[in-house]
Protein backbone atom coordinates (compact mmCIF):
# COMPACT_ATOMS: atom_id res chain seq x y z
CA MET A 1 -17.18 -7.00 -8.47
CA PRO A 2 -13.51 -7.96 -9.00
CA SER A 3 -11.25 -7.48 -6.02
CA LEU A 4 -7.72 -6.26 -5.52
CA VAL A 5 -6.65 -9.90 -5.31
CA ASP A 6 -8.29 -10.70 -8.66
CA LEU A 7 -7.15 -7.64 -10.60
CA ALA A 8 -3.59 -7.44 -9.30
CA ALA A 9 -2.86 -11.17 -8.85
CA ALA A 10 -1.87 -10.35 -5.27
CA ASP A 11 -2.26 -12.20 -1.98
CA LEU A 12 -4.13 -10.26 0.69
CA VAL A 13 -2.40 -10.86 4.02
CA GLY A 14 -3.96 -8.13 6.16
CA PHE A 15 -6.63 -5.47 6.31
CA ALA A 16 -7.51 -2.69 8.74
CA GLU A 17 -10.18 -0.01 8.81
CA ASN A 18 -8.45 2.38 11.20
CA GLU A 19 -5.01 3.88 11.61
CA SER A 20 -4.07 2.34 14.95
CA ASP A 21 -4.95 -1.24 13.90
CA ALA A 22 -3.14 -0.76 10.59
CA ILE A 23 0.01 0.58 12.23
CA ARG A 24 0.00 -2.20 14.81
CA TRP A 25 -0.30 -4.82 12.05
CA LEU A 26 2.17 -3.25 9.61
CA THR A 27 4.85 -2.79 12.27
CA GLY A 28 4.30 -6.17 13.95
CA LYS A 29 7.43 -8.30 13.89
CA ARG A 30 5.55 -11.45 12.84
CA ASN A 31 3.59 -9.88 9.99
CA ALA A 32 5.04 -10.29 6.54
CA TRP A 33 3.99 -7.94 3.77
CA ASP A 34 5.49 -6.54 0.60
CA ASP A 35 3.02 -3.87 -0.52
CA ALA A 36 0.82 -1.76 1.73
CA VAL A 37 -2.05 -0.13 -0.14
CA ILE A 38 -2.99 2.89 1.95
CA ASP A 39 -6.13 5.01 1.74
CA LEU A 40 -5.88 8.48 3.25
CA PHE A 41 -9.39 8.39 4.72
CA LEU A 42 -10.09 5.76 7.37
CA LYS A 43 -12.85 5.22 9.95
CA GLN A 44 -10.41 6.49 12.58
CA GLY A 45 -7.16 8.28 11.85
CA ASN A 46 -5.70 8.60 8.39
CA GLY A 47 -3.25 7.12 5.95
CA LEU A 48 -0.66 9.83 6.57
CA GLY A 49 -0.08 8.39 10.05
CA MET A 50 0.32 4.95 8.49
CA LEU A 51 2.87 6.28 6.00
CA ALA A 52 4.84 7.92 8.79
CA ALA A 53 4.79 4.68 10.82
CA VAL A 54 6.20 2.56 7.99
CA ARG A 55 8.61 5.14 6.67
CA THR A 56 11.59 3.15 7.97
CA ARG A 57 10.23 -0.17 6.71
CA ARG A 58 12.34 -3.12 5.64
CA ARG A 59 13.97 -2.82 2.22
CA GLY A 60 11.71 -4.13 -0.55
CA ARG A 61 8.45 -3.17 1.16
CA ARG A 62 6.37 -0.60 -0.68
CA ALA A 63 3.82 1.90 0.63
CA ILE A 64 1.32 2.75 -2.12
CA VAL A 65 -1.39 5.36 -1.67
CA LEU A 66 -4.78 4.93 -3.36
CA THR A 67 -7.10 7.82 -2.57
CA ASN A 68 -9.92 10.06 -3.76
CA TYR A 69 -8.03 13.06 -2.38
CA CYS A 70 -5.18 13.19 -4.86
CA THR A 71 -4.11 16.82 -5.14
CA ASP A 72 -0.59 17.85 -6.13
CA PHE A 73 0.02 18.90 -2.52
CA MET A 74 -1.15 15.53 -1.21
CA ARG A 75 1.03 13.64 -3.73
CA THR A 76 4.04 15.66 -2.55
CA TRP A 77 3.19 15.09 1.13
CA CYS A 78 2.72 11.33 0.63
CA SER A 79 6.01 11.09 -1.27
CA ALA A 80 7.78 13.01 1.51
CA LEU A 81 6.41 10.46 4.00
CA GLY A 82 7.82 7.59 1.93
CA ALA A 83 5.04 6.57 -0.46
CA GLU A 84 6.51 4.87 -3.50
CA ALA A 85 3.47 5.74 -5.61
CA VAL A 86 0.22 7.70 -5.28
CA PHE A 87 -2.86 6.91 -7.36
CA ASP A 88 -6.21 8.67 -7.71
CA LYS A 89 -9.12 6.24 -7.18
CA SER A 90 -11.36 8.12 -9.58
CA THR A 91 -9.01 8.41 -12.54
CA GLN A 92 -6.04 6.05 -12.12
CA LEU A 93 -7.39 2.63 -11.15
CA GLY A 94 -6.08 1.06 -14.35
CA GLU A 95 -2.60 2.43 -13.70
CA PHE A 96 -2.80 1.32 -10.06
CA PHE A 97 -3.63 -2.30 -10.97
CA GLU A 98 -0.99 -2.37 -13.70
CA TYR A 99 1.60 -1.05 -11.23
CA LEU A 100 0.70 -3.80 -8.74
CA ARG A 101 0.75 -6.52 -11.40
CA ARG A 102 4.27 -5.43 -12.41
CA LYS A 103 5.49 -5.34 -8.80
CA VAL A 104 3.86 -8.65 -7.81
CA GLY A 105 5.22 -10.31 -10.94
CA SER A 106 8.77 -9.11 -10.29
CA ARG A 107 8.56 -10.27 -6.67
CA ALA A 108 7.35 -13.74 -7.70
CA GLN A 109 10.49 -14.18 -9.79
CA ARG A 110 12.81 -13.53 -6.83
CA PRO A 111 14.01 -16.74 -5.15
CA ASP A 112 13.78 -15.15 -1.68
CA SER A 113 10.20 -13.91 -2.06
CA PHE A 114 7.69 -14.56 0.70
CA VAL A 115 4.55 -16.43 -0.26
CA PRO A 116 1.97 -16.75 2.55
């Protein structure tokens, strides 16, 4: 099965299965990331807490929600918490990967981009 790295031409620099580990990693001063792909349902906690924690993130970092629970209300809530984009796992995977390919490609062309 193709992975996020394969389909979006992205570099995976971190991964967490629960809210507290994800927040700790995303807000760590030494951890460099450009795009955080956030699921709303985690083993412990939820993606809304992650969105709130990275709401005041460094300029250029994006919080992107990919979830099976993609109601209009949830899209609005995620946007209010600072999500740049919200995608439905069951119907918008193609759009999600295209979005990431565009963003990763534009970042690779910047001379100040971070490459792990």
